[in-house]
PDB file of all heavy atoms in Angstrom:
ATOM      1  N   ILE A   1      17.602 -14.030  -1.538  1.00  0.00           N
ATOM      2  CA  ILE A   1      18.725 -13.293  -1.800  1.00  0.00           C
ATOM      3  C   ILE A   1      18.299 -12.023  -2.649  1.00  0.00           C
ATOM      4  O   ILE A   1      17.232 -12.118  -3.205  1.00  0.00           O
ATOM      5  CB  ILE A   1      19.753 -14.111  -2.664  1.00  0.00           C
ATOM      6  CG1 ILE A   1      19.081 -14.753  -3.889  1.00  0.00           C
ATOM      7  CG2 ILE A   1      20.377 -15.292  -1.866  1.00  0.00           C
ATOM      8  CD1 ILE A   1      19.978 -15.556  -4.849  1.00  0.00           C
ATOM      9  N   PRO A   2      19.059 -11.084  -2.590  1.00  0.00           N
ATOM     10  CA  PRO A   2      18.646  -9.796  -3.265  1.00  0.00           C
ATOM     11  C   PRO A   2      18.109  -9.856  -4.661  1.00  0.00           C
ATOM     12  O   PRO A   2      17.056  -9.334  -4.982  1.00  0.00           O
ATOM     13  CB  PRO A   2      19.750  -8.945  -3.209  1.00  0.00           C
ATOM     14  CG  PRO A   2      20.479  -9.253  -2.024  1.00  0.00           C
ATOM     15  CD  PRO A   2      20.364 -10.712  -1.996  1.00  0.00           C
ATOM     16  N   PRO A   3      18.587 -10.602  -5.657  1.00  0.00           N
ATOM     17  CA  PRO A   3      18.206 -10.795  -6.955  1.00  0.00           C
ATOM     18  C   PRO A   3      16.848 -11.523  -7.022  1.00  0.00           C
ATOM     19  O   PRO A   3      16.162 -11.400  -8.117  1.00  0.00           O
ATOM     20  CB  PRO A   3      19.376 -11.624  -7.662  1.00  0.00           C
ATOM     21  CG  PRO A   3      20.477 -11.476  -6.842  1.00  0.00           C
ATOM     22  CD  PRO A   3      19.996 -11.371  -5.480  1.00  0.00           C
ATOM     23  N   VAL A   4      16.317 -12.166  -5.953  1.00  0.00           N
ATOM     24  CA  VAL A   4      15.064 -12.782  -5.973  1.00  0.00           C
ATOM     25  C   VAL A   4      14.081 -11.808  -5.291  1.00  0.00           C
ATOM     26  O   VAL A   4      13.044 -11.481  -5.744  1.00  0.00           O
ATOM     27  CB  VAL A   4      15.143 -14.081  -5.242  1.00  0.00           C
ATOM     28  CG1 VAL A   4      13.780 -14.628  -5.056  1.00  0.00           C
ATOM     29  CG2 VAL A   4      15.943 -15.110  -5.988  1.00  0.00           C
ATOM     30  N   THR A   5      14.469 -11.313  -4.129  1.00  0.00           N
ATOM     31  CA  THR A   5      13.547 -10.683  -3.285  1.00  0.00           C
ATOM     32  C   THR A   5      13.232  -9.195  -3.883  1.00  0.00           C
ATOM     33  O   THR A   5      12.130  -8.676  -3.579  1.00  0.00           O
ATOM     34  CB  THR A   5      14.012 -10.226  -1.744  1.00  0.00           C
ATOM     35  OG1 THR A   5      15.346  -9.630  -1.857  1.00  0.00           O
ATOM     36  CG2 THR A   5      14.315 -11.644  -1.088  1.00  0.00           C
ATOM     37  N   ILE A   6      14.044  -8.753  -4.768  1.00  0.00           N
ATOM     38  CA  ILE A   6      13.767  -7.339  -5.417  1.00  0.00           C
ATOM     39  C   ILE A   6      12.557  -7.629  -6.268  1.00  0.00           C
ATOM     40  O   ILE A   6      11.645  -6.621  -6.346  1.00  0.00           O
ATOM     41  CB  ILE A   6      14.982  -6.959  -6.274  1.00  0.00           C
ATOM     42  CG1 ILE A   6      14.707  -5.619  -6.880  1.00  0.00           C
ATOM     43  CG2 ILE A   6      15.337  -7.973  -7.391  1.00  0.00           C
ATOM     44  CD1 ILE A   6      15.891  -5.162  -7.725  1.00  0.00           C
ATOM     45  N   PHE A   7      12.187  -8.741  -6.873  1.00  0.00           N
ATOM     46  CA  PHE A   7      11.104  -9.023  -7.715  1.00  0.00           C
ATOM     47  C   PHE A   7       9.799  -8.999  -6.756  1.00  0.00           C
ATOM     48  O   PHE A   7       8.825  -8.469  -7.024  1.00  0.00           O
ATOM     49  CB  PHE A   7      11.136 -10.365  -8.301  1.00  0.00           C
ATOM     50  CG  PHE A   7      11.913 -10.454  -9.579  1.00  0.00           C
ATOM     51  CD1 PHE A   7      13.224 -10.804  -9.551  1.00  0.00           C
ATOM     52  CD2 PHE A   7      11.332 -10.330 -10.785  1.00  0.00           C
ATOM     53  CE1 PHE A   7      13.905 -11.030 -10.735  1.00  0.00           C
ATOM     54  CE2 PHE A   7      11.999 -10.386 -11.936  1.00  0.00           C
ATOM     55  CZ  PHE A   7      13.310 -10.782 -11.898  1.00  0.00           C
ATOM     56  N   MET A   8       9.958  -9.647  -5.579  1.00  0.00           N
ATOM     57  CA  MET A   8       8.933  -9.802  -4.633  1.00  0.00           C
ATOM     58  C   MET A   8       8.560  -8.450  -3.996  1.00  0.00           C
ATOM     59  O   MET A   8       7.327  -8.294  -3.726  1.00  0.00           O
ATOM     60  CB  MET A   8       9.293 -10.835  -3.605  1.00  0.00           C
ATOM     61  CG  MET A   8       9.630 -12.306  -4.250  1.00  0.00           C
ATOM     62  SD  MET A   8      10.450 -13.378  -3.199  1.00  0.00           S
ATOM     63  CE  MET A   8       9.171 -14.062  -2.180  1.00  0.00           C
ATOM     64  N   ASP A   9       9.516  -7.706  -3.620  1.00  0.00           N
ATOM     65  CA  ASP A   9       9.206  -6.263  -3.167  1.00  0.00           C
ATOM     66  C   ASP A   9       8.490  -5.442  -4.106  1.00  0.00           C
ATOM     67  O   ASP A   9       7.475  -4.938  -3.819  1.00  0.00           O
ATOM     68  CB  ASP A   9      10.576  -5.636  -2.778  1.00  0.00           C
ATOM     69  CG  ASP A   9      11.214  -5.967  -1.528  1.00  0.00           C
ATOM     70  OD1 ASP A   9      10.637  -6.718  -0.705  1.00  0.00           O
ATOM     71  OD2 ASP A   9      12.467  -5.650  -1.242  1.00  0.00           O
ATOM     72  N   GLY A  10       8.863  -5.401  -5.358  1.00  0.00           N
ATOM     73  CA  GLY A  10       8.223  -4.652  -6.370  1.00  0.00           C
ATOM     74  C   GLY A  10       6.836  -5.191  -6.514  1.00  0.00           C
ATOM     75  O   GLY A  10       5.871  -4.345  -6.681  1.00  0.00           O
ATOM     76  N   TYR A  11       6.645  -6.499  -6.603  1.00  0.00           N
ATOM     77  CA  TYR A  11       5.249  -7.102  -6.767  1.00  0.00           C
ATOM     78  C   TYR A  11       4.392  -6.739  -5.572  1.00  0.00           C
ATOM     79  O   TYR A  11       3.197  -6.220  -5.896  1.00  0.00           O
ATOM     80  CB  TYR A  11       5.555  -8.639  -6.847  1.00  0.00           C
ATOM     81  CG  TYR A  11       4.252  -9.486  -7.125  1.00  0.00           C
ATOM     82  CD1 TYR A  11       3.695  -9.551  -8.405  1.00  0.00           C
ATOM     83  CD2 TYR A  11       3.666 -10.231  -6.199  1.00  0.00           C
ATOM     84  CE1 TYR A  11       2.633 -10.312  -8.657  1.00  0.00           C
ATOM     85  CE2 TYR A  11       2.558 -10.961  -6.371  1.00  0.00           C
ATOM     86  CZ  TYR A  11       1.983 -11.039  -7.677  1.00  0.00           C
ATOM     87  OH  TYR A  11       0.986 -11.843  -7.958  1.00  0.00           O
ATOM     88  N   ALA A  12       4.801  -6.805  -4.562  1.00  0.00           N
ATOM     89  CA  ALA A  12       3.923  -6.384  -3.310  1.00  0.00           C
ATOM     90  C   ALA A  12       3.596  -4.925  -3.242  1.00  0.00           C
ATOM     91  O   ALA A  12       2.568  -4.547  -3.024  1.00  0.00           O
ATOM     92  CB  ALA A  12       4.718  -6.731  -1.986  1.00  0.00           C
ATOM     93  N   ASP A  13       4.539  -4.058  -3.647  1.00  0.00           N
ATOM     94  CA  ASP A  13       4.314  -2.685  -3.729  1.00  0.00           C
ATOM     95  C   ASP A  13       3.328  -2.231  -4.860  1.00  0.00           C
ATOM     96  O   ASP A  13       2.511  -1.418  -4.776  1.00  0.00           O
ATOM     97  CB  ASP A  13       5.689  -1.797  -3.868  1.00  0.00           C
ATOM     98  CG  ASP A  13       6.347  -1.791  -2.534  1.00  0.00           C
ATOM     99  OD1 ASP A  13       5.868  -2.085  -1.585  1.00  0.00           O
ATOM    100  OD2 ASP A  13       7.493  -1.379  -2.560  1.00  0.00           O
ATOM    101  N   GLY A  14       3.514  -3.021  -5.997  1.00  0.00           N
ATOM    102  CA  GLY A  14       2.418  -2.761  -7.065  1.00  0.00           C
ATOM    103  C   GLY A  14       1.002  -3.108  -6.713  1.00  0.00           C
ATOM    104  O   GLY A  14       0.098  -2.371  -7.043  1.00  0.00           O
ATOM    105  N   VAL A  15       0.864  -4.225  -5.909  1.00  0.00           N
ATOM    106  CA  VAL A  15      -0.435  -4.399  -5.342  1.00  0.00           C
ATOM    107  C   VAL A  15      -0.928  -3.437  -4.411  1.00  0.00           C
ATOM    108  O   VAL A  15      -2.115  -3.009  -4.393  1.00  0.00           O
ATOM    109  CB  VAL A  15      -0.356  -5.951  -4.581  1.00  0.00           C
ATOM    110  CG1 VAL A  15      -1.793  -6.120  -3.961  1.00  0.00           C
ATOM    111  CG2 VAL A  15      -0.041  -7.099  -5.659  1.00  0.00           C
ATOM    112  N   ALA A  16       0.020  -3.048  -3.473  1.00  0.00           N
ATOM    113  CA  ALA A  16      -0.386  -1.978  -2.593  1.00  0.00           C
ATOM    114  C   ALA A  16      -0.718  -0.624  -3.284  1.00  0.00           C
ATOM    115  O   ALA A  16      -1.749   0.098  -2.896  1.00  0.00           O
ATOM    116  CB  ALA A  16       0.785  -1.674  -1.591  1.00  0.00           C
ATOM    117  N   TYR A  17      -0.084  -0.434  -4.333  1.00  0.00           N
ATOM    118  CA  TYR A  17      -0.470   0.747  -5.021  1.00  0.00           C
ATOM    119  C   TYR A  17      -1.767   0.759  -5.801  1.00  0.00           C
ATOM    120  O   TYR A  17      -2.506   1.641  -5.718  1.00  0.00           O
ATOM    121  CB  TYR A  17       0.632   1.157  -6.265  1.00  0.00           C
ATOM    122  CG  TYR A  17       0.641   2.430  -6.890  1.00  0.00           C
ATOM    123  CD1 TYR A  17       1.384   3.516  -6.448  1.00  0.00           C
ATOM    124  CD2 TYR A  17      -0.158   2.583  -8.048  1.00  0.00           C
ATOM    125  CE1 TYR A  17       1.321   4.729  -6.870  1.00  0.00           C
ATOM    126  CE2 TYR A  17      -0.062   3.881  -8.757  1.00  0.00           C
ATOM    127  CZ  TYR A  17       0.606   4.869  -8.121  1.00  0.00           C
ATOM    128  OH  TYR A  17       0.448   6.145  -8.681  1.00  0.00           O
ATOM    129  N   TYR A  18      -2.012  -0.442  -6.214  1.00  0.00           N
ATOM    130  CA  TYR A  18      -3.431  -0.591  -6.739  1.00  0.00           C
ATOM    131  C   TYR A  18      -4.494  -0.472  -5.683  1.00  0.00           C
ATOM    132  O   TYR A  18      -5.518   0.112  -5.902  1.00  0.00           O
ATOM    133  CB  TYR A  18      -3.480  -2.083  -7.302  1.00  0.00           C
ATOM    134  CG  TYR A  18      -4.842  -2.541  -7.869  1.00  0.00           C
ATOM    135  CD1 TYR A  18      -5.228  -2.074  -9.266  1.00  0.00           C
ATOM    136  CD2 TYR A  18      -5.796  -3.122  -7.166  1.00  0.00           C
ATOM    137  CE1 TYR A  18      -6.372  -2.554  -9.837  1.00  0.00           C
ATOM    138  CE2 TYR A  18      -7.004  -3.406  -7.631  1.00  0.00           C
ATOM    139  CZ  TYR A  18      -7.414  -3.100  -9.042  1.00  0.00           C
ATOM    140  OH  TYR A  18      -8.583  -3.406  -9.426  1.00  0.00           O
ATOM    141  N   ASN A  19      -4.316  -1.157  -4.590  1.00  0.00           N
ATOM    142  CA  ASN A  19      -5.248  -0.961  -3.435  1.00  0.00           C
ATOM    143  C   ASN A  19      -5.535   0.398  -3.096  1.00  0.00           C
ATOM    144  O   ASN A  19      -6.613   1.005  -2.878  1.00  0.00           O
ATOM    145  CB  ASN A  19      -4.774  -1.683  -2.271  1.00  0.00           C
ATOM    146  CG  ASN A  19      -4.819  -3.224  -2.365  1.00  0.00           C
ATOM    147  OD1 ASN A  19      -5.660  -3.642  -3.271  1.00  0.00           O
ATOM    148  ND2 ASN A  19      -3.928  -3.993  -1.642  1.00  0.00           N
ATOM    149  N   GLU A  20      -4.306   1.234  -2.970  1.00  0.00           N
ATOM    150  CA  GLU A  20      -4.574   2.670  -2.571  1.00  0.00           C
ATOM    151  C   GLU A  20      -5.393   3.474  -3.689  1.00  0.00           C
ATOM    152  O   GLU A  20      -6.207   4.265  -3.435  1.00  0.00           O
ATOM    153  CB  GLU A  20      -3.147   3.285  -2.445  1.00  0.00           C
ATOM    154  CG  GLU A  20      -3.274   4.752  -1.963  1.00  0.00           C
ATOM    155  CD  GLU A  20      -1.876   5.314  -1.604  1.00  0.00           C
ATOM    156  OE1 GLU A  20      -0.898   4.576  -1.704  1.00  0.00           O
ATOM    157  OE2 GLU A  20      -1.877   6.671  -1.388  1.00  0.00           O
ATOM    158  N   ALA A  21      -5.020   3.119  -4.957  1.00  0.00           N
ATOM    159  CA  ALA A  21      -5.585   3.861  -6.015  1.00  0.00           C
ATOM    160  C   ALA A  21      -7.169   3.461  -6.207  1.00  0.00           C
ATOM    161  O   ALA A  21      -7.897   4.296  -6.606  1.00  0.00           O
ATOM    162  CB  ALA A  21      -4.838   3.649  -7.342  1.00  0.00           C
ATOM    163  N   LYS A  22      -7.369   2.178  -5.948  1.00  0.00           N
ATOM    164  CA  LYS A  22      -8.765   1.816  -6.145  1.00  0.00           C
ATOM    165  C   LYS A  22      -9.677   1.566  -4.955  1.00  0.00           C
ATOM    166  O   LYS A  22     -10.809   1.243  -5.043  1.00  0.00           O
ATOM    167  CB  LYS A  22      -8.669   0.309  -6.945  1.00  0.00           C
ATOM    168  CG  LYS A  22      -7.995   0.428  -8.281  1.00  0.00           C
ATOM    169  CD  LYS A  22      -8.648   1.319  -9.297  1.00  0.00           C
ATOM    170  CE  LYS A  22      -8.114   1.151 -10.662  1.00  0.00           C
ATOM    171  NZ  LYS A  22      -8.850   1.920 -11.669  1.00  0.00           N
ATOM    172  N   GLY A  23      -8.989   1.831  -3.756  1.00  0.00           N
ATOM    173  CA  GLY A  23      -9.746   1.626  -2.557  1.00  0.00           C
ATOM    174  C   GLY A  23     -10.058   0.096  -2.257  1.00  0.00           C
ATOM    175  O   GLY A  23     -11.178  -0.204  -1.735  1.00  0.00           O
ATOM    176  N   LYS A  24      -9.196  -0.784  -2.822  1.00  0.00           N
ATOM    177  CA  LYS A  24      -9.414  -2.208  -2.560  1.00  0.00           C
ATOM    178  C   LYS A  24      -8.397  -2.769  -1.497  1.00  0.00           C
ATOM    179  O   LYS A  24      -7.785  -2.004  -0.825  1.00  0.00           O
ATOM    180  CB  LYS A  24      -9.036  -2.861  -4.004  1.00  0.00           C
ATOM    181  CG  LYS A  24      -9.941  -2.527  -5.154  1.00  0.00           C
ATOM    182  CD  LYS A  24     -11.288  -2.887  -4.979  1.00  0.00           C
ATOM    183  CE  LYS A  24     -12.189  -2.510  -6.225  1.00  0.00           C
ATOM    184  NZ  LYS A  24     -13.494  -2.956  -6.074  1.00  0.00           N
ATOM    185  N   ASP A  25      -8.585  -4.043  -1.341  1.00  0.00           N
ATOM    186  CA  ASP A  25      -7.765  -4.812  -0.211  1.00  0.00           C
ATOM    187  C   ASP A  25      -7.243  -6.103  -0.783  1.00  0.00           C
ATOM    188  O   ASP A  25      -7.471  -7.124  -0.060  1.00  0.00           O
ATOM    189  CB  ASP A  25      -8.599  -4.849   1.022  1.00  0.00           C
ATOM    190  CG  ASP A  25      -7.735  -5.476   2.206  1.00  0.00           C
ATOM    191  OD1 ASP A  25      -6.462  -5.122   2.172  1.00  0.00           O
ATOM    192  OD2 ASP A  25      -8.306  -6.038   3.091  1.00  0.00           O
ATOM    193  N   VAL A  26      -6.584  -6.071  -1.962  1.00  0.00           N
ATOM    194  CA  VAL A  26      -6.140  -7.373  -2.450  1.00  0.00           C
ATOM    195  C   VAL A  26      -4.912  -7.760  -1.429  1.00  0.00           C
ATOM    196  O   VAL A  26      -3.977  -6.905  -1.286  1.00  0.00           O
ATOM    197  CB  VAL A  26      -5.552  -7.171  -3.950  1.00  0.00           C
ATOM    198  CG1 VAL A  26      -4.966  -8.384  -4.486  1.00  0.00           C
ATOM    199  CG2 VAL A  26      -6.850  -6.704  -4.773  1.00  0.00           C
TER     200      VAL A  26
END
């Protein structure tokens, strides 16, 4: 449900942002 998946979306995008900034593949 949205109040749950909104956390999961943000979490996944934060990891993706880290990967892009650091050249990693977490």
